PDB file of N, CA and C in Angstrom:
ATOM      1  N   UNK A   1      84.054 143.952 247.753  1.00  0.00           N
ATOM      2  CA  UNK A   1      83.186 143.286 246.162  1.00  0.00           C
ATOM      3  C   UNK A   1      81.456 143.856 246.494  1.00  0.00           C
ATOM      4  N   UNK A   2      80.928 144.873 245.948  1.00  0.00           N
ATOM      5  CA  UNK A   2      79.461 144.933 246.451  1.00  0.00           C
ATOM      6  C   UNK A   2      78.631 144.145 245.907  1.00  0.00           C
ATOM      7  N   UNK A   3      77.558 144.101 246.474  1.00  0.00           N
ATOM      8  CA  UNK A   3      76.591 142.447 245.864  1.00  0.00           C
ATOM      9  C   UNK A   3      76.312 142.874 244.553  1.00  0.00           C
ATOM     10  N   UNK A   4      76.169 144.093 243.915  1.00  0.00           N
ATOM     11  CA  UNK A   4      75.877 144.227 242.416  1.00  0.00           C
ATOM     12  C   UNK A   4      76.925 143.308 241.382  1.00  0.00           C
ATOM     13  N   UNK A   5      78.186 143.186 241.836  1.00  0.00           N
ATOM     14  CA  UNK A   5      78.735 142.328 241.425  1.00  0.00           C
ATOM     15  C   UNK A   5      77.927 140.616 240.675  1.00  0.00           C
ATOM     16  N   UNK A   6      76.956 140.141 241.693  1.00  0.00           N
ATOM     17  CA  UNK A   6      75.918 139.289 240.986  1.00  0.00           C
ATOM     18  C   UNK A   6      75.375 139.455 239.435  1.00  0.00           C
ATOM     19  N   UNK A   7      75.402 140.840 239.496  1.00  0.00           N
ATOM     20  CA  UNK A   7      74.278 140.937 238.165  1.00  0.00           C
ATOM     21  C   UNK A   7      75.434 141.221 237.458  1.00  0.00           C
ATOM     22  N   UNK A   8      77.015 141.248 237.198  1.00  0.00           N
ATOM     23  CA  UNK A   8      78.320 141.119 236.531  1.00  0.00           C
ATOM     24  C   UNK A   8      78.255 139.526 235.896  1.00  0.00           C
ATOM     25  N   UNK A   9      77.442 139.999 233.934  1.00  0.00           N
ATOM     26  CA  UNK A   9      77.529 139.048 233.630  1.00  0.00           C
ATOM     27  C   UNK A   9      79.082 138.387 232.517  1.00  0.00           C
ATOM     28  N   UNK A  10      79.445 137.213 232.060  1.00  0.00           N
ATOM     29  CA  UNK A  10      80.572 136.842 231.717  1.00  0.00           C
ATOM     30  C   UNK A  10      80.068 136.120 230.119  1.00  0.00           C
ATOM     31  N   UNK A  11      81.342 135.776 229.453  1.00  0.00           N
ATOM     32  CA  UNK A  11      81.593 135.776 228.447  1.00  0.00           C
ATOM     33  C   UNK A  11      82.215 134.381 228.205  1.00  0.00           C
ATOM     34  N   UNK A  12      81.514 133.139 227.467  1.00  0.00           N
ATOM     35  CA  UNK A  12      82.578 131.948 226.952  1.00  0.00           C
ATOM     36  C   UNK A  12      82.263 131.202 226.235  1.00  0.00           C
ATOM     37  N   UNK A  13      83.141 130.399 225.655  1.00  0.00           N
ATOM     38  CA  UNK A  13      82.933 130.028 224.664  1.00  0.00           C
ATOM     39  C   UNK A  13      83.045 128.014 225.244  1.00  0.00           C
ATOM     40  N   UNK A  14      82.962 127.360 224.502  1.00  0.00           N
ATOM     41  CA  UNK A  14      83.040 126.021 225.405  1.00  0.00           C
ATOM     42  C   UNK A  14      83.217 124.889 224.091  1.00  0.00           C
ATOM     43  N   UNK A  15      83.552 123.619 224.660  1.00  0.00           N
ATOM     44  CA  UNK A  15      83.878 122.583 223.593  1.00  0.00           C
ATOM     45  C   UNK A  15      83.014 121.572 224.575  1.00  0.00           C
ATOM     46  N   UNK A  16      81.479 120.614 223.934  1.00  0.00           N
ATOM     47  CA  UNK A  16      81.009 119.796 224.645  1.00  0.00           C
ATOM     48  C   UNK A  16      81.012 117.780 223.840  1.00  0.00           C
ATOM     49  N   UNK A  17      81.353 117.144 224.697  1.00  0.00           N
ATOM     50  CA  UNK A  17      81.505 116.274 224.353  1.00  0.00           C
ATOM     51  C   UNK A  17      80.764 115.055 224.967  1.00  0.00           C
ATOM     52  N   UNK A  18      79.025 115.022 224.159  1.00  0.00           N
ATOM     53  CA  UNK A  18      77.831 113.641 225.383  1.00  0.00           C
ATOM     54  C   UNK A  18      78.776 112.593 225.374  1.00  0.00           C
ATOM     55  N   UNK A  19      78.252 111.764 226.326  1.00  0.00           N
ATOM     56  CA  UNK A  19      78.373 110.582 226.846  1.00  0.00           C
ATOM     57  C   UNK A  19      77.357 109.819 226.831  1.00  0.00           C
ATOM     58  N   UNK A  20      77.227 108.634 227.503  1.00  0.00           N
ATOM     59  CA  UNK A  20      75.847 107.685 227.309  1.00  0.00           C
ATOM     60  C   UNK A  20      75.722 108.520 228.519  1.00  0.00           C
ATOM     61  N   UNK A  21      75.683 108.899 229.529  1.00  0.00           N
ATOM     62  CA  UNK A  21      75.629 109.335 230.819  1.00  0.00           C
ATOM     63  C   UNK A  21      74.273 111.662 230.383  1.00  0.00           C
ATOM     64  N   UNK A  22      74.588 111.658 229.510  1.00  0.00           N
ATOM     65  CA  UNK A  22      73.906 113.044 229.259  1.00  0.00           C
ATOM     66  C   UNK A  22      72.690 113.432 228.711  1.00  0.00           C
ATOM     67  N   UNK A  23      72.169 114.057 229.725  1.00  0.00           N
ATOM     68  CA  UNK A  23      70.133 114.223 229.712  1.00  0.00           C
ATOM     69  C   UNK A  23      69.877 114.179 228.721  1.00  0.00           C
ATOM     70  N   UNK A  24      70.328 114.683 227.541  1.00  0.00           N
ATOM     71  CA  UNK A  24      70.105 114.306 225.743  1.00  0.00           C
ATOM     72  C   UNK A  24      70.511 113.866 224.535  1.00  0.00           C
ATOM     73  N   UNK A  25      70.838 112.666 224.536  1.00  0.00           N
ATOM     74  CA  UNK A  25      71.848 112.107 223.831  1.00  0.00           C
ATOM     75  C   UNK A  25      71.543 112.116 222.269  1.00  0.00           C
ATOM     76  N   UNK A  26      71.155 112.834 221.982  1.00  0.00           N
ATOM     77  CA  UNK A  26      71.762 113.343 220.281  1.00  0.00           C
ATOM     78  C   UNK A  26      71.816 114.918 220.072  1.00  0.00           C
ATOM     79  N   UNK A  27      72.673 115.099 219.106  1.00  0.00           N
ATOM     80  CA  UNK A  27      73.442 116.545 218.242  1.00  0.00           C
ATOM     81  C   UNK A  27      73.575 116.761 217.452  1.00  0.00           C
ATOM     82  N   UNK A  28      73.884 117.685 217.074  1.00  0.00           N
ATOM     83  CA  UNK A  28      73.665 117.917 215.660  1.00  0.00           C
ATOM     84  C   UNK A  28      74.766 116.915 214.564  1.00  0.00           C
ATOM     85  N   UNK A  29      76.022 116.647 214.899  1.00  0.00           N
ATOM     86  CA  UNK A  29      76.768 115.860 214.142  1.00  0.00           C
ATOM     87  C   UNK A  29      76.349 113.889 214.447  1.00  0.00           C
ATOM     88  N   UNK A  30      75.455 114.449 215.372  1.00  0.00           N
ATOM     89  CA  UNK A  30      75.330 112.823 215.606  1.00  0.00           C
ATOM     90  C   UNK A  30      73.537 113.043 216.235  1.00  0.00           C
ATOM     91  N   UNK A  31      72.811 113.054 214.867  1.00  0.00           N
ATOM     92  CA  UNK A  31      71.361 113.560 215.564  1.00  0.00           C
ATOM     93  C   UNK A  31      70.655 112.263 216.261  1.00  0.00           C
ATOM     94  N   UNK A  32      70.860 110.739 215.840  1.00  0.00           N
ATOM     95  CA  UNK A  32      70.699 109.847 216.089  1.00  0.00           C
ATOM     96  C   UNK A  32      71.130 108.679 217.334  1.00  0.00           C
ATOM     97  N   UNK A  33      72.070 109.932 217.621  1.00  0.00           N
ATOM     98  CA  UNK A  33      72.608 109.514 218.822  1.00  0.00           C
ATOM     99  C   UNK A  33      73.341 108.137 219.379  1.00  0.00           C
ATOM    100  N   UNK A  34      74.101 107.187 218.084  1.00  0.00           N
ATOM    101  CA  UNK A  34      74.201 106.514 217.529  1.00  0.00           C
ATOM    102  C   UNK A  34      75.705 106.678 218.444  1.00  0.00           C
ATOM    103  N   UNK A  35      76.632 107.602 218.188  1.00  0.00           N
ATOM    104  CA  UNK A  35      77.814 107.369 218.923  1.00  0.00           C
ATOM    105  C   UNK A  35      77.355 107.750 220.369  1.00  0.00           C
ATOM    106  N   UNK A  36      76.920 108.475 220.508  1.00  0.00           N
ATOM    107  CA  UNK A  36      77.009 109.284 221.938  1.00  0.00           C
ATOM    108  C   UNK A  36      76.356 108.228 223.027  1.00  0.00           C
ATOM    109  N   UNK A  37      75.734 107.512 222.765  1.00  0.00           N
ATOM    110  CA  UNK A  37      75.332 106.328 222.916  1.00  0.00           C
ATOM    111  C   UNK A  37      75.948 105.236 223.752  1.00  0.00           C
ATOM    112  N   UNK A  38      77.167 105.243 222.574  1.00  0.00           N
ATOM    113  CA  UNK A  38      78.426 104.172 223.304  1.00  0.00           C
ATOM    114  C   UNK A  38      79.521 104.755 223.638  1.00  0.00           C
ATOM    115  N   UNK A  39      79.839 105.975 223.852  1.00  0.00           N
ATOM    116  CA  UNK A  39      80.634 106.428 223.906  1.00  0.00           C
ATOM    117  C   UNK A  39      80.329 106.967 225.703  1.00  0.00           C
ATOM    118  N   UNK A  40      81.395 106.343 226.469  1.00  0.00           N
ATOM    119  CA  UNK A  40      81.503 106.203 227.883  1.00  0.00           C
ATOM    120  C   UNK A  40      81.670 107.643 228.546  1.00  0.00           C
ATOM    121  N   UNK A  41      81.685 107.710 229.801  1.00  0.00           N
ATOM    122  CA  UNK A  41      82.061 108.904 230.238  1.00  0.00           C
ATOM    123  C   UNK A  41      83.916 109.077 230.394  1.00  0.00           C
ATOM    124  N   UNK A  42      84.248 107.865 230.241  1.00  0.00           N
ATOM    125  CA  UNK A  42      85.703 107.964 230.372  1.00  0.00           C
ATOM    126  C   UNK A  42      86.305 108.187 229.432  1.00  0.00           C
ATOM    127  N   UNK A  43      85.643 107.588 228.089  1.00  0.00           N
ATOM    128  CA  UNK A  43      86.403 108.289 227.037  1.00  0.00           C
ATOM    129  C   UNK A  43      86.214 109.513 226.500  1.00  0.00           C
ATOM    130  N   UNK A  44      85.124 110.159 226.060  1.00  0.00           N
ATOM    131  CA  UNK A  44      84.937 111.186 226.241  1.00  0.00           C
ATOM    132  C   UNK A  44      85.494 112.352 227.298  1.00  0.00           C
ATOM    133  N   UNK A  45      85.857 111.779 228.167  1.00  0.00           N
ATOM    134  CA  UNK A  45      87.109 112.399 228.997  1.00  0.00           C
ATOM    135  C   UNK A  45      88.507 112.567 228.113  1.00  0.00           C
ATOM    136  N   UNK A  46      88.961 111.315 228.014  1.00  0.00           N
ATOM    137  CA  UNK A  46      90.075 111.467 227.116  1.00  0.00           C
ATOM    138  C   UNK A  46      89.787 112.096 225.610  1.00  0.00           C
ATOM    139  N   UNK A  47      88.879 112.509 225.057  1.00  0.00           N
ATOM    140  CA  UNK A  47      89.093 112.752 223.822  1.00  0.00           C
ATOM    141  C   UNK A  47      88.952 113.932 224.222  1.00  0.00           C
ATOM    142  N   UNK A  48      88.370 115.327 225.178  1.00  0.00           N
ATOM    143  CA  UNK A  48      88.251 116.214 225.808  1.00  0.00           C
ATOM    144  C   UNK A  48      89.526 116.893 225.902  1.00  0.00           C
ATOM    145  N   UNK A  49      90.567 115.608 226.531  1.00  0.00           N
ATOM    146  CA  UNK A  49      91.275 116.456 227.143  1.00  0.00           C
ATOM    147  C   UNK A  49      92.767 116.177 226.020  1.00  0.00           C
ATOM    148  N   UNK A  50      92.476 115.354 225.049  1.00  0.00           N
ATOM    149  CA  UNK A  50      93.798 115.443 224.105  1.00  0.00           C
ATOM    150  C   UNK A  50      92.958 116.764 223.047  1.00  0.00           C
ATOM    151  N   UNK A  51      92.008 117.064 222.947  1.00  0.00           N
ATOM    152  CA  UNK A  51      91.412 118.189 222.141  1.00  0.00           C
ATOM    153  C   UNK A  51      92.480 119.411 222.902  1.00  0.00           C
ATOM    154  N   UNK A  52      91.970 119.506 224.207  1.00  0.00           N
ATOM    155  CA  UNK A  52      92.597 120.521 225.274  1.00  0.00           C
ATOM    156  C   UNK A  52      94.447 120.766 225.001  1.00  0.00           C
ATOM    157  N   UNK A  53      94.779 119.486 224.746  1.00  0.00           N
ATOM    158  CA  UNK A  53      96.228 119.420 225.171  1.00  0.00           C
ATOM    159  C   UNK A  53      96.732 120.064 223.309  1.00  0.00           C
ATOM    160  N   UNK A  54      95.733 120.189 222.259  1.00  0.00           N
ATOM    161  CA  UNK A  54      96.196 120.649 221.352  1.00  0.00           C
ATOM    162  C   UNK A  54      95.812 122.228 221.336  1.00  0.00           C
ATOM    163  N   UNK A  55      94.624 122.806 221.719  1.00  0.00           N
ATOM    164  CA  UNK A  55      94.350 123.867 222.112  1.00  0.00           C
ATOM    165  C   UNK A  55      95.681 124.114 222.374  1.00  0.00           C
ATOM    166  N   UNK A  56      96.327 123.756 223.771  1.00  0.00           N
ATOM    167  CA  UNK A  56      97.503 124.746 224.899  1.00  0.00           C
ATOM    168  C   UNK A  56      98.532 124.519 224.312  1.00  0.00           C
ATOM    169  N   UNK A  57      98.775 123.497 223.400  1.00  0.00           N
ATOM    170  CA  UNK A  57     100.015 123.327 223.049  1.00  0.00           C
ATOM    171  C   UNK A  57     100.182 124.349 221.646  1.00  0.00           C
ATOM    172  N   UNK A  58      98.998 124.778 221.110  1.00  0.00           N
ATOM    173  CA  UNK A  58      99.385 125.723 219.745  1.00  0.00           C
ATOM    174  C   UNK A  58      98.841 125.414 218.424  1.00  0.00           C
ATOM    175  N   UNK A  59      99.205 124.181 218.702  1.00  0.00           N
ATOM    176  CA  UNK A  59      98.873 123.136 217.377  1.00  0.00           C
ATOM    177  C   UNK A  59      97.068 123.758 216.905  1.00  0.00           C
ATOM    178  N   UNK A  60      95.700 123.681 217.792  1.00  0.00           N
ATOM    179  CA  UNK A  60      95.182 123.843 216.920  1.00  0.00           C
ATOM    180  C   UNK A  60      94.349 125.493 218.283  1.00  0.00           C
ATOM    181  N   UNK A  61      93.187 125.610 217.083  1.00  0.00           N
ATOM    182  CA  UNK A  61      92.645 126.768 217.582  1.00  0.00           C
ATOM    183  C   UNK A  61      91.515 126.731 218.040  1.00  0.00           C
ATOM    184  N   UNK A  62      90.886 127.197 219.243  1.00  0.00           N
ATOM    185  CA  UNK A  62      89.514 126.613 220.832  1.00  0.00           C
ATOM    186  C   UNK A  62      88.039 126.357 218.926  1.00  0.00           C
ATOM    187  N   UNK A  63      88.446 127.518 219.152  1.00  0.00           N
ATOM    188  CA  UNK A  63      87.159 127.612 217.776  1.00  0.00           C
ATOM    189  C   UNK A  63      87.210 126.798 216.424  1.00  0.00           C
ATOM    190  N   UNK A  64      87.908 126.147 216.144  1.00  0.00           N
ATOM    191  CA  UNK A  64      87.899 124.960 214.862  1.00  0.00           C
ATOM    192  C   UNK A  64      88.284 123.995 215.545  1.00  0.00           C
ATOM    193  N   UNK A  65      88.395 123.644 216.876  1.00  0.00           N
ATOM    194  CA  UNK A  65      87.995 122.341 217.634  1.00  0.00           C
ATOM    195  C   UNK A  65      86.531 122.675 217.811  1.00  0.00           C
ATOM    196  N   UNK A  66      86.026 123.180 218.163  1.00  0.00           N
ATOM    197  CA  UNK A  66      84.423 123.530 218.783  1.00  0.00           C
ATOM    198  C   UNK A  66      83.923 123.369 217.433  1.00  0.00           C
ATOM    199  N   UNK A  67      84.536 124.460 216.299  1.00  0.00           N
ATOM    200  CA  UNK A  67      83.341 123.822 214.847  1.00  0.00           C
ATOM    201  C   UNK A  67      83.635 122.882 214.863  1.00  0.00           C
ATOM    202  N   UNK A  68      83.949 121.383 214.922  1.00  0.00           N
ATOM    203  CA  UNK A  68      84.390 120.609 214.304  1.00  0.00           C
ATOM    204  C   UNK A  68      84.058 119.284 215.469  1.00  0.00           C
ATOM    205  N   UNK A  69      83.783 119.680 216.659  1.00  0.00           N
ATOM    206  CA  UNK A  69      83.796 117.954 217.442  1.00  0.00           C
ATOM    207  C   UNK A  69      83.032 118.318 218.654  1.00  0.00           C
ATOM    208  N   UNK A  70      82.229 119.623 219.496  1.00  0.00           N
ATOM    209  CA  UNK A  70      81.345 120.082 219.863  1.00  0.00           C
ATOM    210  C   UNK A  70      79.921 119.832 219.649  1.00  0.00           C
ATOM    211  N   UNK A  71      79.632 118.660 220.416  1.00  0.00           N
ATOM    212  CA  UNK A  71      78.457 118.282 220.502  1.00  0.00           C
ATOM    213  C   UNK A  71      77.127 119.588 220.377  1.00  0.00           C
ATOM    214  N   UNK A  72      77.677 120.419 220.702  1.00  0.00           N
ATOM    215  CA  UNK A  72      76.533 121.577 221.321  1.00  0.00           C
ATOM    216  C   UNK A  72      76.512 122.754 219.952  1.00  0.00           C
ATOM    217  N   UNK A  73      75.023 123.267 219.908  1.00  0.00           N
ATOM    218  CA  UNK A  73      74.757 123.682 219.122  1.00  0.00           C
ATOM    219  C   UNK A  73      75.642 124.831 218.503  1.00  0.00           C
ATOM    220  N   UNK A  74      75.902 125.766 219.887  1.00  0.00           N
ATOM    221  CA  UNK A  74      76.888 126.636 219.231  1.00  0.00           C
ATOM    222  C   UNK A  74      78.737 126.329 218.876  1.00  0.00           C
ATOM    223  N   UNK A  75      78.406 125.399 218.253  1.00  0.00           N
ATOM    224  CA  UNK A  75      79.883 124.966 217.608  1.00  0.00           C
ATOM    225  C   UNK A  75      79.494 125.617 216.451  1.00  0.00           C
ATOM    226  N   UNK A  76      78.577 125.938 215.715  1.00  0.00           N
ATOM    227  CA  UNK A  76      78.342 126.730 214.099  1.00  0.00           C
ATOM    228  C   UNK A  76      78.812 127.728 214.142  1.00  0.00           C
ATOM    229  N   UNK A  77      79.016 128.711 215.691  1.00  0.00           N
ATOM    230  CA  UNK A  77      79.994 130.231 216.003  1.00  0.00           C
ATOM    231  C   UNK A  77      81.528 129.766 216.897  1.00  0.00           C
ATOM    232  N   UNK A  78      81.729 128.786 216.571  1.00  0.00           N
ATOM    233  CA  UNK A  78      82.964 128.180 217.128  1.00  0.00           C
ATOM    234  C   UNK A  78      83.080 128.517 218.748  1.00  0.00           C
ATOM    235  N   UNK A  79      81.919 127.568 218.847  1.00  0.00           N
ATOM    236  CA  UNK A  79      81.481 127.364 220.923  1.00  0.00           C
ATOM    237  C   UNK A  79      81.354 128.629 221.629  1.00  0.00           C
ATOM    238  N   UNK A  80      81.062 129.875 221.296  1.00  0.00           N
ATOM    239  CA  UNK A  80      81.007 130.968 221.284  1.00  0.00           C
ATOM    240  C   UNK A  80      79.395 130.755 222.166  1.00  0.00           C
ATOM    241  N   UNK A  81      79.092 130.524 223.328  1.00  0.00           N
ATOM    242  CA  UNK A  81      77.851 131.256 224.402  1.00  0.00           C
ATOM    243  C   UNK A  81      77.119 132.124 224.581  1.00  0.00           C
ATOM    244  N   UNK A  82      77.801 133.537 223.746  1.00  0.00           N
ATOM    245  CA  UNK A  82      77.449 135.061 224.329  1.00  0.00           C
ATOM    246  C   UNK A  82      77.678 135.190 225.574  1.00  0.00           C
ATOM    247  N   UNK A  83      76.806 135.913 226.357  1.00  0.00           N
ATOM    248  CA  UNK A  83      76.886 136.937 227.580  1.00  0.00           C
ATOM    249  C   UNK A  83      75.797 135.958 228.023  1.00  0.00           C
ATOM    250  N   UNK A  84      76.695 135.775 229.546  1.00  0.00           N
ATOM    251  CA  UNK A  84      75.124 134.937 230.526  1.00  0.00           C
ATOM    252  C   UNK A  84      75.609 135.552 231.918  1.00  0.00           C
ATOM    253  N   UNK A  85      74.839 135.239 232.865  1.00  0.00           N
ATOM    254  CA  UNK A  85      74.671 135.852 234.000  1.00  0.00           C
ATOM    255  C   UNK A  85      74.498 134.606 235.300  1.00  0.00           C
ATOM    256  N   UNK A  86      74.197 135.447 236.236  1.00  0.00           N
ATOM    257  CA  UNK A  86      74.761 133.899 236.950  1.00  0.00           C
ATOM    258  C   UNK A  86      72.930 133.288 237.039  1.00  0.00           C
ATOM    259  N   UNK A  87      72.931 131.828 236.996  1.00  0.00           N
ATOM    260  CA  UNK A  87      71.339 131.151 237.781  1.00  0.00           C
ATOM    261  C   UNK A  87      71.261 130.990 235.915  1.00  0.00           C
ATOM    262  N   UNK A  88      71.659 130.889 234.984  1.00  0.00           N
ATOM    263  CA  UNK A  88      71.420 130.231 233.638  1.00  0.00           C
ATOM    264  C   UNK A  88      71.909 129.528 232.666  1.00  0.00           C
ATOM    265  N   UNK A  89      72.882 129.053 233.886  1.00  0.00           N
ATOM    266  CA  UNK A  89      73.474 127.637 233.017  1.00  0.00           C
ATOM    267  C   UNK A  89      73.966 126.730 234.423  1.00  0.00           C
ATOM    268  N   UNK A  90      73.835 125.202 234.137  1.00  0.00           N
ATOM    269  CA  UNK A  90      74.362 124.950 235.048  1.00  0.00           C
ATOM    270  C   UNK A  90      75.022 125.116 235.760  1.00  0.00           C
ATOM    271  N   UNK A  91      74.524 124.315 237.503  1.00  0.00           N
ATOM    272  CA  UNK A  91      75.709 125.359 238.174  1.00  0.00           C
ATOM    273  C   UNK A  91      77.257 124.937 238.109  1.00  0.00           C
ATOM    274  N   UNK A  92      78.054 123.948 237.697  1.00  0.00           N
ATOM    275  CA  UNK A  92      79.302 123.473 237.661  1.00  0.00           C
ATOM    276  C   UNK A  92      79.756 124.194 236.511  1.00  0.00           C
ATOM    277  N   UNK A  93      79.063 124.053 235.462  1.00  0.00           N
ATOM    278  CA  UNK A  93      79.346 125.399 234.172  1.00  0.00           C
ATOM    279  C   UNK A  93      80.367 126.773 234.776  1.00  0.00           C
ATOM    280  N   UNK A  94      78.803 126.974 235.380  1.00  0.00           N
ATOM    281  CA  UNK A  94      78.200 128.347 236.132  1.00  0.00           C
ATOM    282  C   UNK A  94      79.861 128.970 236.838  1.00  0.00           C
ATOM    283  N   UNK A  95      79.986 128.374 237.740  1.00  0.00           N
ATOM    284  CA  UNK A  95      81.107 128.547 238.856  1.00  0.00           C
ATOM    285  C   UNK A  95      82.318 128.591 238.324  1.00  0.00           C
ATOM    286  N   UNK A  96      82.462 127.278 237.405  1.00  0.00           N
ATOM    287  CA  UNK A  96      84.035 127.129 236.384  1.00  0.00           C
ATOM    288  C   UNK A  96      84.377 128.377 235.558  1.00  0.00           C
ATOM    289  N   UNK A  97      82.880 129.048 234.734  1.00  0.00           N
ATOM    290  CA  UNK A  97      83.199 130.285 233.962  1.00  0.00           C
ATOM    291  C   UNK A  97      83.436 131.368 235.051  1.00  0.00           C
ATOM    292  N   UNK A  98      82.872 131.368 236.016  1.00  0.00           N
ATOM    293  CA  UNK A  98      83.210 132.955 236.886  1.00  0.00           C
ATOM    294  C   UNK A  98      84.385 132.790 237.291  1.00  0.00           C
ATOM    295  N   UNK A  99      85.121 131.575 237.768  1.00  0.00           N
ATOM    296  CA  UNK A  99      86.576 131.131 238.428  1.00  0.00           C
ATOM    297  C   UNK A  99      87.644 131.877 237.730  1.00  0.00           C
ATOM    298  N   UNK A 100      87.543 131.161 236.224  1.00  0.00           N
ATOM    299  CA  UNK A 100      87.963 132.104 235.220  1.00  0.00           C
ATOM    300  C   UNK A 100      88.560 132.884 235.372  1.00  0.00           C
ATOM    301  N   UNK A 101      89.526 133.552 234.539  1.00  0.00           N
ATOM    302  CA  UNK A 101      90.554 134.754 233.736  1.00  0.00           C
ATOM    303  C   UNK A 101      89.881 134.668 232.289  1.00  0.00           C
ATOM    304  N   UNK A 102      89.996 135.872 231.744  1.00  0.00           N
ATOM    305  CA  UNK A 102      89.755 136.055 230.563  1.00  0.00           C
ATOM    306  C   UNK A 102      90.563 135.823 229.546  1.00  0.00           C
ATOM    307  N   UNK A 103      90.661 134.699 228.698  1.00  0.00           N
ATOM    308  CA  UNK A 103      91.450 133.609 227.766  1.00  0.00           C
ATOM    309  C   UNK A 103      91.576 132.749 228.708  1.00  0.00           C
ATOM    310  N   UNK A 104      91.415 132.594 230.201  1.00  0.00           N
ATOM    311  CA  UNK A 104      91.745 130.946 230.822  1.00  0.00           C
ATOM    312  C   UNK A 104      91.256 129.966 230.294  1.00  0.00           C
ATOM    313  N   UNK A 105      90.946 128.271 230.496  1.00  0.00           N
ATOM    314  CA  UNK A 105      91.496 127.555 229.498  1.00  0.00           C
ATOM    315  C   UNK A 105      90.727 126.452 231.007  1.00  0.00           C
ATOM    316  N   UNK A 106      89.377 126.489 230.965  1.00  0.00           N
ATOM    317  CA  UNK A 106      89.199 125.588 232.190  1.00  0.00           C
ATOM    318  C   UNK A 106      89.918 123.625 231.414  1.00  0.00           C
ATOM    319  N   UNK A 107      89.721 123.577 232.903  1.00  0.00           N
ATOM    320  CA  UNK A 107      90.255 121.115 232.395  1.00  0.00           C
ATOM    321  C   UNK A 107      88.368 120.918 232.651  1.00  0.00           C
ATOM    322  N   UNK A 108      89.180 120.049 232.747  1.00  0.00           N
ATOM    323  CA  UNK A 108      87.299 118.825 232.407  1.00  0.00           C
ATOM    324  C   UNK A 108      85.592 119.121 233.292  1.00  0.00           C
ATOM    325  N   UNK A 109      84.946 120.189 233.088  1.00  0.00           N
ATOM    326  CA  UNK A 109      83.953 120.000 233.219  1.00  0.00           C
ATOM    327  C   UNK A 109      82.183 119.413 233.163  1.00  0.00           C
ATOM    328  N   UNK A 110      82.189 118.577 234.603  1.00  0.00           N
ATOM    329  CA  UNK A 110      80.527 118.069 234.102  1.00  0.00           C
ATOM    330  C   UNK A 110      79.749 118.778 234.374  1.00  0.00           C
ATOM    331  N   UNK A 111      78.408 118.133 233.703  1.00  0.00           N
ATOM    332  CA  UNK A 111      77.020 118.845 233.664  1.00  0.00           C
ATOM    333  C   UNK A 111      76.030 117.647 233.438  1.00  0.00           C
ATOM    334  N   UNK A 112      75.561 117.952 233.298  1.00  0.00           N
ATOM    335  CA  UNK A 112      73.842 116.710 233.100  1.00  0.00           C
ATOM    336  C   UNK A 112      74.099 116.738 231.715  1.00  0.00           C
ATOM    337  N   UNK A 113      74.669 117.871 230.676  1.00  0.00           N
ATOM    338  CA  UNK A 113      74.793 117.572 229.333  1.00  0.00           C
ATOM    339  C   UNK A 113      75.914 116.425 228.373  1.00  0.00           C
ATOM    340  N   UNK A 114      77.227 117.157 229.707  1.00  0.00           N
ATOM    341  CA  UNK A 114      78.235 115.843 229.056  1.00  0.00           C
ATOM    342  C   UNK A 114      79.102 116.483 229.909  1.00  0.00           C
ATOM    343  N   UNK A 115      80.403 116.420 229.457  1.00  0.00           N
ATOM    344  CA  UNK A 115      82.088 117.050 229.236  1.00  0.00           C
ATOM    345  C   UNK A 115      82.168 118.074 228.707  1.00  0.00           C
ATOM    346  N   UNK A 116      82.895 119.045 229.438  1.00  0.00           N
ATOM    347  CA  UNK A 116      83.359 120.429 228.885  1.00  0.00           C
ATOM    348  C   UNK A 116      84.705 121.135 228.742  1.00  0.00           C
ATOM    349  N   UNK A 117      84.962 121.388 228.128  1.00  0.00           N
ATOM    350  CA  UNK A 117      86.214 122.438 228.837  1.00  0.00           C
ATOM    351  C   UNK A 117      85.803 123.749 228.271  1.00  0.00           C
ATOM    352  N   UNK A 118      85.772 124.991 228.843  1.00  0.00           N
ATOM    353  CA  UNK A 118      85.349 126.202 228.735  1.00  0.00           C
ATOM    354  C   UNK A 118      86.441 127.081 228.288  1.00  0.00           C
ATOM    355  N   UNK A 119      86.340 127.917 227.669  1.00  0.00           N
ATOM    356  CA  UNK A 119      87.203 129.382 227.565  1.00  0.00           C
ATOM    357  C   UNK A 119      86.506 131.208 228.186  1.00  0.00           C
ATOM    358  N   UNK A 120      86.971 131.497 229.371  1.00  0.00           N
ATOM    359  CA  UNK A 120      86.058 132.662 229.416  1.00  0.00           C
ATOM    360  C   UNK A 120      86.735 133.807 228.584  1.00  0.00           C
ATOM    361  N   UNK A 121      85.530 133.872 227.636  1.00  0.00           N
ATOM    362  CA  UNK A 121      85.916 135.101 226.782  1.00  0.00           C
ATOM    363  C   UNK A 121      85.447 136.618 227.429  1.00  0.00           C
ATOM    364  N   UNK A 122      85.122 137.356 228.307  1.00  0.00           N
ATOM    365  CA  UNK A 122      84.605 138.489 228.490  1.00  0.00           C
ATOM    366  C   UNK A 122      84.322 138.543 230.169  1.00  0.00           C
TER     367      UNK A 122
END
């Protein structure tokens, strides 16, 4: 591994579920934050686990779930965040994405934004 590997960009899509502990308690689907303010982290995690199971079992496509359920504005792109390099995302998000193989789906990842599942796409 040369030190230039730090410049390597990755590409990922994600599904974000916000909860009471999220930094910004509002989203495109909950602009007043009514649901988010009443969602515990545990409840956000169980929602996300159920969605992840549907993706893994092939019952639903990642992009379809993202566009319906993700609290991130990337939902309108099926969760696609495009490409990013080191230092552009919150640390746990970045570390998880770089550790995934292309096409691999993460487990639950916690950031200041909420809870995520991430799929590395490039």
